[in-house]
Amino acid sequence: MFGDEYFMRMAIREAEAALEDGEIPVGAVVVSQNRVIARAHNQTELLKDVTAHAEMLAVTAAANNLNNKYLNDCTLYVTLEPCAMCAGALAWAQLGKLVYGAADEKRGFTRHQPNVLHPKTVIIGGIMEVVCSDLLKSFFQRMR
């Protein structure tokens, strides 16, 4: 049985891949029955698509993998707190559990729509928060 930090490390590797691609370094993995069924990282620049957030891409891949639009038995690990758009998608997918690393002080769903997720979704924030946050801080410092 693997823990939250184990899977968050995988999400961090996805965030690092985004960084290498010149994307905002956010990574995500979806886990079902202790097995990774989807992984993704931000691709908004590559795809020229503002909706190509790591979470959105991972949810789509997971639904395709399961051949089911509902992810109620799944956990999403993401390095940054989802925005309201992504949280809305997670609500529609009836995600079982959300685990995120760094809080998003500007655009995180907990600031704008704290009750948007499905009522049964378990939420855990702050897993490996410093590592996740440092990736983002270093990216934005280089951009300035």
N, C-alpha and C. Protein backbone atom coordinates (compact mmCIF):
# COMPACT_ATOMS: atom_id res chain seq x y z
N MET A 1 0.85 -1.18 0.00
CA MET A 1 0.00 0.00 0.00
C MET A 1 0.89 1.24 0.00
N PHE A 2 0.70 2.09 -0.96
CA PHE A 2 1.49 3.31 -1.09
C PHE A 2 0.75 4.47 -0.46
N GLY A 3 1.50 5.43 0.09
CA GLY A 3 0.89 6.57 0.75
C GLY A 3 0.79 7.79 -0.15
N ASP A 4 0.23 8.85 0.41
CA ASP A 4 0.02 10.09 -0.34
C ASP A 4 1.33 10.68 -0.86
N GLU A 5 2.39 10.62 -0.07
CA GLU A 5 3.66 11.19 -0.52
C GLU A 5 4.22 10.43 -1.73
N TYR A 6 4.04 9.14 -1.75
CA TYR A 6 4.51 8.32 -2.88
C TYR A 6 3.90 8.81 -4.19
N PHE A 7 2.58 8.97 -4.19
CA PHE A 7 1.90 9.40 -5.41
C PHE A 7 2.13 10.89 -5.70
N MET A 8 2.31 11.69 -4.65
CA MET A 8 2.60 13.11 -4.88
C MET A 8 3.96 13.27 -5.55
N ARG A 9 4.90 12.40 -5.23
CA ARG A 9 6.20 12.44 -5.92
C ARG A 9 6.03 12.22 -7.42
N MET A 10 5.10 11.36 -7.79
CA MET A 10 4.82 11.13 -9.21
C MET A 10 4.23 12.39 -9.84
N ALA A 11 3.36 13.05 -9.11
CA ALA A 11 2.78 14.31 -9.61
C ALA A 11 3.86 15.37 -9.75
N ILE A 12 4.80 15.38 -8.82
CA ILE A 12 5.92 16.33 -8.89
C ILE A 12 6.76 16.06 -10.13
N ARG A 13 6.98 14.79 -10.46
CA ARG A 13 7.72 14.46 -11.69
C ARG A 13 6.98 14.98 -12.92
N GLU A 14 5.67 14.91 -12.90
CA GLU A 14 4.88 15.47 -14.00
C GLU A 14 5.05 17.00 -14.04
N ALA A 15 5.06 17.63 -12.89
CA ALA A 15 5.27 19.09 -12.83
C ALA A 15 6.64 19.45 -13.38
N GLU A 16 7.63 18.65 -13.08
CA GLU A 16 8.97 18.89 -13.61
C GLU A 16 8.99 18.75 -15.14
N ALA A 17 8.21 17.82 -15.66
CA ALA A 17 8.10 17.66 -17.12
C ALA A 17 7.46 18.91 -17.73
N ALA A 18 6.47 19.46 -17.05
CA ALA A 18 5.84 20.70 -17.52
C ALA A 18 6.87 21.82 -17.55
N LEU A 19 7.67 21.89 -16.51
CA LEU A 19 8.72 22.91 -16.42
C LEU A 19 9.68 22.80 -17.60
N GLU A 20 10.09 21.60 -17.91
CA GLU A 20 10.99 21.37 -19.04
C GLU A 20 10.38 21.81 -20.37
N ASP A 21 9.05 21.74 -20.44
CA ASP A 21 8.33 22.14 -21.66
C ASP A 21 7.98 23.62 -21.68
N GLY A 22 8.41 24.37 -20.64
CA GLY A 22 8.10 25.79 -20.58
C GLY A 22 6.70 26.10 -20.09
N GLU A 23 6.06 25.11 -19.49
CA GLU A 23 4.71 25.28 -18.94
C GLU A 23 4.79 25.60 -17.45
N ILE A 24 3.73 26.18 -16.93
CA ILE A 24 3.65 26.36 -15.48
C ILE A 24 3.73 24.97 -14.86
N PRO A 25 4.65 24.76 -13.91
CA PRO A 25 4.92 23.41 -13.41
C PRO A 25 3.85 22.86 -12.46
N VAL A 26 2.81 22.32 -13.05
CA VAL A 26 1.77 21.63 -12.30
C VAL A 26 1.63 20.24 -12.88
N GLY A 27 1.63 19.26 -12.01
CA GLY A 27 1.49 17.88 -12.43
C GLY A 27 0.40 17.17 -11.66
N ALA A 28 -0.15 16.12 -12.26
CA ALA A 28 -1.25 15.39 -11.64
C ALA A 28 -1.18 13.91 -11.99
N VAL A 29 -1.61 13.09 -11.05
CA VAL A 29 -1.80 11.66 -11.31
C VAL A 29 -3.13 11.24 -10.69
N VAL A 30 -3.79 10.30 -11.34
CA VAL A 30 -5.03 9.73 -10.82
C VAL A 30 -4.74 8.28 -10.45
N VAL A 31 -5.17 7.92 -9.24
CA VAL A 31 -4.92 6.59 -8.71
C VAL A 31 -6.25 5.90 -8.43
N SER A 32 -6.33 4.65 -8.84
CA SER A 32 -7.49 3.81 -8.56
C SER A 32 -6.98 2.47 -8.04
N GLN A 33 -7.48 2.05 -6.92
CA GLN A 33 -7.08 0.78 -6.31
C GLN A 33 -5.56 0.68 -6.19
N ASN A 34 -4.96 1.77 -5.74
CA ASN A 34 -3.52 1.84 -5.47
C ASN A 34 -2.66 1.70 -6.73
N ARG A 35 -3.26 2.02 -7.90
CA ARG A 35 -2.56 1.93 -9.17
C ARG A 35 -2.79 3.22 -9.95
N VAL A 36 -1.71 3.76 -10.52
CA VAL A 36 -1.82 4.97 -11.33
C VAL A 36 -2.52 4.62 -12.64
N ILE A 37 -3.62 5.33 -12.91
CA ILE A 37 -4.36 5.07 -14.15
C ILE A 37 -4.26 6.24 -15.13
N ALA A 38 -3.74 7.38 -14.66
CA ALA A 38 -3.57 8.53 -15.54
C ALA A 38 -2.54 9.46 -14.94
N ARG A 39 -1.84 10.15 -15.81
CA ARG A 39 -0.88 11.17 -15.39
C ARG A 39 -0.85 12.26 -16.44
N ALA A 40 -0.62 13.49 -15.98
CA ALA A 40 -0.61 14.61 -16.92
C ALA A 40 0.09 15.80 -16.28
N HIS A 41 0.44 16.75 -17.13
CA HIS A 41 0.97 18.03 -16.64
C HIS A 41 0.40 19.14 -17.51
N ASN A 42 0.53 20.35 -17.03
CA ASN A 42 -0.01 21.48 -17.78
C ASN A 42 0.48 21.47 -19.21
N GLN A 43 -0.43 21.76 -20.14
CA GLN A 43 -0.08 21.85 -21.56
C GLN A 43 -0.80 23.02 -22.22
N THR A 44 -1.05 24.06 -21.47
CA THR A 44 -1.80 25.20 -22.03
C THR A 44 -1.03 25.90 -23.13
N GLU A 45 0.27 25.99 -23.01
CA GLU A 45 1.09 26.64 -24.05
C GLU A 45 1.19 25.75 -25.28
N LEU A 46 1.50 24.50 -25.07
CA LEU A 46 1.65 23.56 -26.18
C LEU A 46 0.37 23.45 -27.01
N LEU A 47 -0.74 23.31 -26.32
CA LEU A 47 -2.02 23.10 -27.01
C LEU A 47 -2.75 24.40 -27.33
N LYS A 48 -2.20 25.52 -26.84
CA LYS A 48 -2.88 26.82 -27.02
C LYS A 48 -4.33 26.72 -26.54
N ASP A 49 -4.47 26.15 -25.34
CA ASP A 49 -5.78 25.85 -24.78
C ASP A 49 -5.77 26.18 -23.29
N VAL A 50 -6.55 27.17 -22.90
CA VAL A 50 -6.56 27.59 -21.49
C VAL A 50 -7.15 26.53 -20.57
N THR A 51 -7.83 25.54 -21.13
CA THR A 51 -8.40 24.48 -20.29
C THR A 51 -7.46 23.28 -20.13
N ALA A 52 -6.29 23.32 -20.73
CA ALA A 52 -5.38 22.17 -20.70
C ALA A 52 -4.55 22.15 -19.41
N HIS A 53 -5.25 22.27 -18.29
CA HIS A 53 -4.60 22.16 -16.98
C HIS A 53 -4.31 20.68 -16.70
N ALA A 54 -3.33 20.43 -15.86
CA ALA A 54 -2.94 19.06 -15.53
C ALA A 54 -4.13 18.24 -15.04
N GLU A 55 -4.95 18.85 -14.19
CA GLU A 55 -6.09 18.13 -13.63
C GLU A 55 -7.09 17.73 -14.70
N MET A 56 -7.38 18.65 -15.61
CA MET A 56 -8.36 18.39 -16.67
C MET A 56 -7.88 17.25 -17.57
N LEU A 57 -6.60 17.30 -17.93
CA LEU A 57 -6.03 16.26 -18.80
C LEU A 57 -6.00 14.91 -18.09
N ALA A 58 -5.67 14.92 -16.80
CA ALA A 58 -5.61 13.68 -16.03
C ALA A 58 -7.00 13.08 -15.85
N VAL A 59 -8.00 13.91 -15.59
CA VAL A 59 -9.37 13.42 -15.42
C VAL A 59 -9.87 12.78 -16.72
N THR A 60 -9.61 13.43 -17.84
CA THR A 60 -10.02 12.88 -19.14
C THR A 60 -9.35 11.53 -19.39
N ALA A 61 -8.05 11.46 -19.12
CA ALA A 61 -7.31 10.20 -19.33
C ALA A 61 -7.82 9.11 -18.40
N ALA A 62 -8.11 9.46 -17.15
CA ALA A 62 -8.61 8.47 -16.19
C ALA A 62 -9.99 7.96 -16.60
N ALA A 63 -10.86 8.86 -17.02
CA ALA A 63 -12.20 8.45 -17.47
C ALA A 63 -12.10 7.52 -18.68
N ASN A 64 -11.19 7.84 -19.60
CA ASN A 64 -10.98 6.97 -20.76
C ASN A 64 -10.45 5.61 -20.34
N ASN A 65 -9.52 5.61 -19.38
CA ASN A 65 -8.94 4.36 -18.89
C ASN A 65 -10.01 3.47 -18.27
N LEU A 66 -10.89 4.07 -17.47
CA LEU A 66 -11.93 3.32 -16.78
C LEU A 66 -13.17 3.10 -17.62
N ASN A 67 -13.24 3.80 -18.77
CA ASN A 67 -14.45 3.79 -19.59
C ASN A 67 -15.67 4.18 -18.75
N ASN A 68 -15.48 5.24 -17.95
CA ASN A 68 -16.52 5.70 -17.04
C ASN A 68 -16.28 7.17 -16.74
N LYS A 69 -17.31 7.98 -16.77
CA LYS A 69 -17.13 9.41 -16.51
C LYS A 69 -17.01 9.72 -15.02
N TYR A 70 -17.36 8.77 -14.16
CA TYR A 70 -17.28 9.00 -12.72
C TYR A 70 -16.00 8.42 -12.14
N LEU A 71 -15.38 9.21 -11.27
CA LEU A 71 -14.11 8.82 -10.64
C LEU A 71 -14.26 8.71 -9.13
N ASN A 72 -15.42 8.21 -8.69
CA ASN A 72 -15.70 8.20 -7.25
C ASN A 72 -14.82 7.23 -6.46
N ASP A 73 -14.17 6.31 -7.12
CA ASP A 73 -13.24 5.41 -6.43
C ASP A 73 -11.78 5.79 -6.69
N CYS A 74 -11.57 7.02 -7.16
CA CYS A 74 -10.23 7.47 -7.54
C CYS A 74 -9.75 8.61 -6.64
N THR A 75 -8.43 8.74 -6.60
CA THR A 75 -7.78 9.86 -5.93
C THR A 75 -6.97 10.62 -6.96
N LEU A 76 -7.14 11.94 -6.96
CA LEU A 76 -6.32 12.82 -7.80
C LEU A 76 -5.26 13.44 -6.92
N TYR A 77 -4.00 13.27 -7.32
CA TYR A 77 -2.86 13.93 -6.68
C TYR A 77 -2.42 15.04 -7.62
N VAL A 78 -2.39 16.27 -7.13
CA VAL A 78 -2.00 17.40 -7.96
C VAL A 78 -1.11 18.33 -7.14
N THR A 79 -0.09 18.87 -7.78
CA THR A 79 0.91 19.66 -7.06
C THR A 79 0.42 21.02 -6.63
N LEU A 80 -0.64 21.53 -7.26
CA LEU A 80 -1.20 22.84 -6.91
C LEU A 80 -2.70 22.70 -6.72
N GLU A 81 -3.21 23.39 -5.72
CA GLU A 81 -4.65 23.40 -5.47
C GLU A 81 -5.40 23.73 -6.77
N PRO A 82 -6.40 22.95 -7.13
CA PRO A 82 -7.12 23.20 -8.37
C PRO A 82 -7.83 24.57 -8.38
N CYS A 83 -7.94 25.12 -9.57
CA CYS A 83 -8.71 26.36 -9.76
C CYS A 83 -10.19 26.00 -9.77
N ALA A 84 -11.04 27.01 -9.84
CA ALA A 84 -12.49 26.77 -9.84
C ALA A 84 -12.93 25.94 -11.04
N MET A 85 -12.32 26.17 -12.21
CA MET A 85 -12.67 25.39 -13.41
C MET A 85 -12.39 23.91 -13.18
N CYS A 86 -11.18 23.61 -12.71
CA CYS A 86 -10.80 22.22 -12.49
C CYS A 86 -11.63 21.59 -11.37
N ALA A 87 -11.88 22.35 -10.32
CA ALA A 87 -12.69 21.83 -9.22
C ALA A 87 -14.10 21.51 -9.69
N GLY A 88 -14.63 22.33 -10.60
CA GLY A 88 -15.95 22.04 -11.16
C GLY A 88 -15.95 20.73 -11.93
N ALA A 89 -14.90 20.49 -12.70
CA ALA A 89 -14.79 19.23 -13.43
C ALA A 89 -14.67 18.05 -12.46
N LEU A 90 -13.93 18.25 -11.37
CA LEU A 90 -13.79 17.19 -10.37
C LEU A 90 -15.12 16.90 -9.70
N ALA A 91 -15.93 17.93 -9.52
CA ALA A 91 -17.27 17.74 -8.95
C ALA A 91 -18.14 16.90 -9.88
N TRP A 92 -18.13 17.26 -11.18
CA TRP A 92 -18.93 16.51 -12.15
C TRP A 92 -18.45 15.06 -12.24
N ALA A 93 -17.15 14.83 -12.07
CA ALA A 93 -16.60 13.48 -12.11
C ALA A 93 -16.85 12.72 -10.81
N GLN A 94 -17.36 13.41 -9.81
CA GLN A 94 -17.61 12.83 -8.49
C GLN A 94 -16.36 12.16 -7.92
N LEU A 95 -15.25 12.91 -8.02
CA LEU A 95 -13.96 12.42 -7.53
C LEU A 95 -14.06 11.97 -6.07
N GLY A 96 -13.45 10.82 -5.78
CA GLY A 96 -13.49 10.29 -4.41
C GLY A 96 -12.61 11.05 -3.45
N LYS A 97 -11.40 11.40 -3.90
CA LYS A 97 -10.44 12.05 -3.00
C LYS A 97 -9.55 12.97 -3.80
N LEU A 98 -9.30 14.14 -3.26
CA LEU A 98 -8.39 15.12 -3.84
C LEU A 98 -7.25 15.35 -2.87
N VAL A 99 -6.01 15.20 -3.36
CA VAL A 99 -4.83 15.48 -2.55
C VAL A 99 -3.99 16.48 -3.33
N TYR A 100 -3.76 17.65 -2.73
CA TYR A 100 -2.94 18.64 -3.42
C TYR A 100 -1.77 19.08 -2.55
N GLY A 101 -0.75 19.61 -3.24
CA GLY A 101 0.45 20.05 -2.55
C GLY A 101 0.35 21.48 -2.08
N ALA A 102 0.65 22.42 -2.95
CA ALA A 102 0.67 23.85 -2.60
C ALA A 102 -0.72 24.46 -2.73
N ALA A 103 -1.04 25.34 -1.81
CA ALA A 103 -2.28 26.12 -1.91
C ALA A 103 -2.08 27.18 -2.99
N ASP A 104 -3.16 27.54 -3.67
CA ASP A 104 -3.12 28.61 -4.67
C ASP A 104 -3.83 29.81 -4.09
N GLU A 105 -3.03 30.75 -3.60
CA GLU A 105 -3.57 31.92 -2.90
C GLU A 105 -4.41 32.82 -3.81
N LYS A 106 -4.15 32.80 -5.11
CA LYS A 106 -4.85 33.69 -6.03
C LYS A 106 -6.04 33.04 -6.71
N ARG A 107 -5.88 31.81 -7.17
CA ARG A 107 -6.92 31.21 -8.01
C ARG A 107 -7.46 29.88 -7.50
N GLY A 108 -7.06 29.47 -6.32
CA GLY A 108 -7.51 28.19 -5.79
C GLY A 108 -9.00 28.16 -5.50
N PHE A 109 -9.60 26.99 -5.70
CA PHE A 109 -11.05 26.88 -5.52
C PHE A 109 -11.48 27.16 -4.09
N THR A 110 -10.62 26.90 -3.10
CA THR A 110 -11.03 27.11 -1.71
C THR A 110 -11.26 28.59 -1.40
N ARG A 111 -10.71 29.48 -2.21
CA ARG A 111 -10.92 30.91 -2.02
C ARG A 111 -12.13 31.42 -2.78
N HIS A 112 -12.45 30.79 -3.89
CA HIS A 112 -13.50 31.28 -4.77
C HIS A 112 -14.79 30.46 -4.71
N GLN A 113 -14.66 29.16 -4.62
CA GLN A 113 -15.82 28.27 -4.59
C GLN A 113 -15.53 27.09 -3.65
N PRO A 114 -15.46 27.37 -2.35
CA PRO A 114 -15.02 26.32 -1.41
C PRO A 114 -15.93 25.10 -1.35
N ASN A 115 -17.16 25.22 -1.78
CA ASN A 115 -18.08 24.08 -1.71
C ASN A 115 -18.37 23.45 -3.06
N VAL A 116 -17.53 23.72 -4.05
CA VAL A 116 -17.82 23.26 -5.41
C VAL A 116 -17.67 21.75 -5.59
N LEU A 117 -16.78 21.12 -4.85
CA LEU A 117 -16.55 19.68 -5.04
C LEU A 117 -17.76 18.87 -4.58
N HIS A 118 -17.84 17.63 -5.07
CA HIS A 118 -18.90 16.72 -4.66
C HIS A 118 -18.86 16.58 -3.13
N PRO A 119 -20.01 16.53 -2.48
CA PRO A 119 -20.04 16.47 -1.01
C PRO A 119 -19.28 15.29 -0.41
N LYS A 120 -19.13 14.21 -1.16
CA LYS A 120 -18.43 13.03 -0.63
C LYS A 120 -16.92 13.05 -0.91
N THR A 121 -16.44 14.03 -1.67
CA THR A 121 -15.02 14.10 -1.99
C THR A 121 -14.22 14.44 -0.73
N VAL A 122 -13.23 13.62 -0.44
CA VAL A 122 -12.32 13.87 0.68
C VAL A 122 -11.22 14.79 0.14
N ILE A 123 -10.89 15.84 0.91
CA ILE A 123 -9.88 16.81 0.47
C ILE A 123 -8.74 16.85 1.47
N ILE A 124 -7.52 16.70 0.96
CA ILE A 124 -6.31 16.81 1.79
C ILE A 124 -5.36 17.77 1.09
N GLY A 125 -4.99 18.83 1.76
CA GLY A 125 -4.05 19.79 1.19
C GLY A 125 -2.75 19.80 1.95
N GLY A 126 -1.71 20.33 1.32
CA GLY A 126 -0.43 20.52 1.99
C GLY A 126 0.51 19.34 1.94
N ILE A 127 0.23 18.33 1.13
CA ILE A 127 1.14 17.18 1.03
C ILE A 127 2.35 17.60 0.19
N MET A 128 3.53 17.53 0.80
CA MET A 128 4.78 17.95 0.16
C MET A 128 4.68 19.39 -0.36
N GLU A 129 4.03 20.21 0.43
CA GLU A 129 3.73 21.59 0.05
C GLU A 129 4.96 22.40 -0.31
N VAL A 130 6.04 22.27 0.45
CA VAL A 130 7.24 23.08 0.20
C VAL A 130 7.85 22.74 -1.15
N VAL A 131 7.96 21.47 -1.47
CA VAL A 131 8.54 21.06 -2.75
C VAL A 131 7.67 21.58 -3.90
N CYS A 132 6.36 21.39 -3.77
CA CYS A 132 5.44 21.83 -4.82
C CYS A 132 5.49 23.35 -4.99
N SER A 133 5.50 24.05 -3.89
CA SER A 133 5.52 25.51 -3.91
C SER A 133 6.83 26.04 -4.49
N ASP A 134 7.94 25.42 -4.12
CA ASP A 134 9.26 25.87 -4.62
C ASP A 134 9.36 25.74 -6.13
N LEU A 135 8.78 24.68 -6.69
CA LEU A 135 8.78 24.52 -8.16
C LEU A 135 8.10 25.72 -8.82
N LEU A 136 6.97 26.10 -8.29
CA LEU A 136 6.22 27.23 -8.86
C LEU A 136 6.95 28.55 -8.65
N LYS A 137 7.47 28.76 -7.44
CA LYS A 137 8.17 30.01 -7.15
C LYS A 137 9.39 30.19 -8.05
N SER A 138 10.14 29.12 -8.25
CA SER A 138 11.34 29.24 -9.10
C SER A 138 10.95 29.51 -10.55
N PHE A 139 9.86 28.91 -11.01
CA PHE A 139 9.39 29.15 -12.37
C PHE A 139 9.04 30.63 -12.56
N PHE A 140 8.27 31.18 -11.64
CA PHE A 140 7.82 32.56 -11.80
C PHE A 140 8.95 33.57 -11.57
N GLN A 141 9.94 33.21 -10.74
CA GLN A 141 11.10 34.09 -10.57
C GLN A 141 11.90 34.16 -11.87
N ARG A 142 12.03 33.06 -12.57
CA ARG A 142 12.75 33.05 -13.84
C ARG A 142 11.99 33.82 -14.92
N MET A 143 10.67 33.84 -14.81
CA MET A 143 9.85 34.54 -15.80
C MET A 143 9.98 36.07 -15.67
N ARG A 144 10.32 36.54 -14.49
CA ARG A 144 10.39 37.98 -14.25
C ARG A 144 11.67 38.58 -14.76
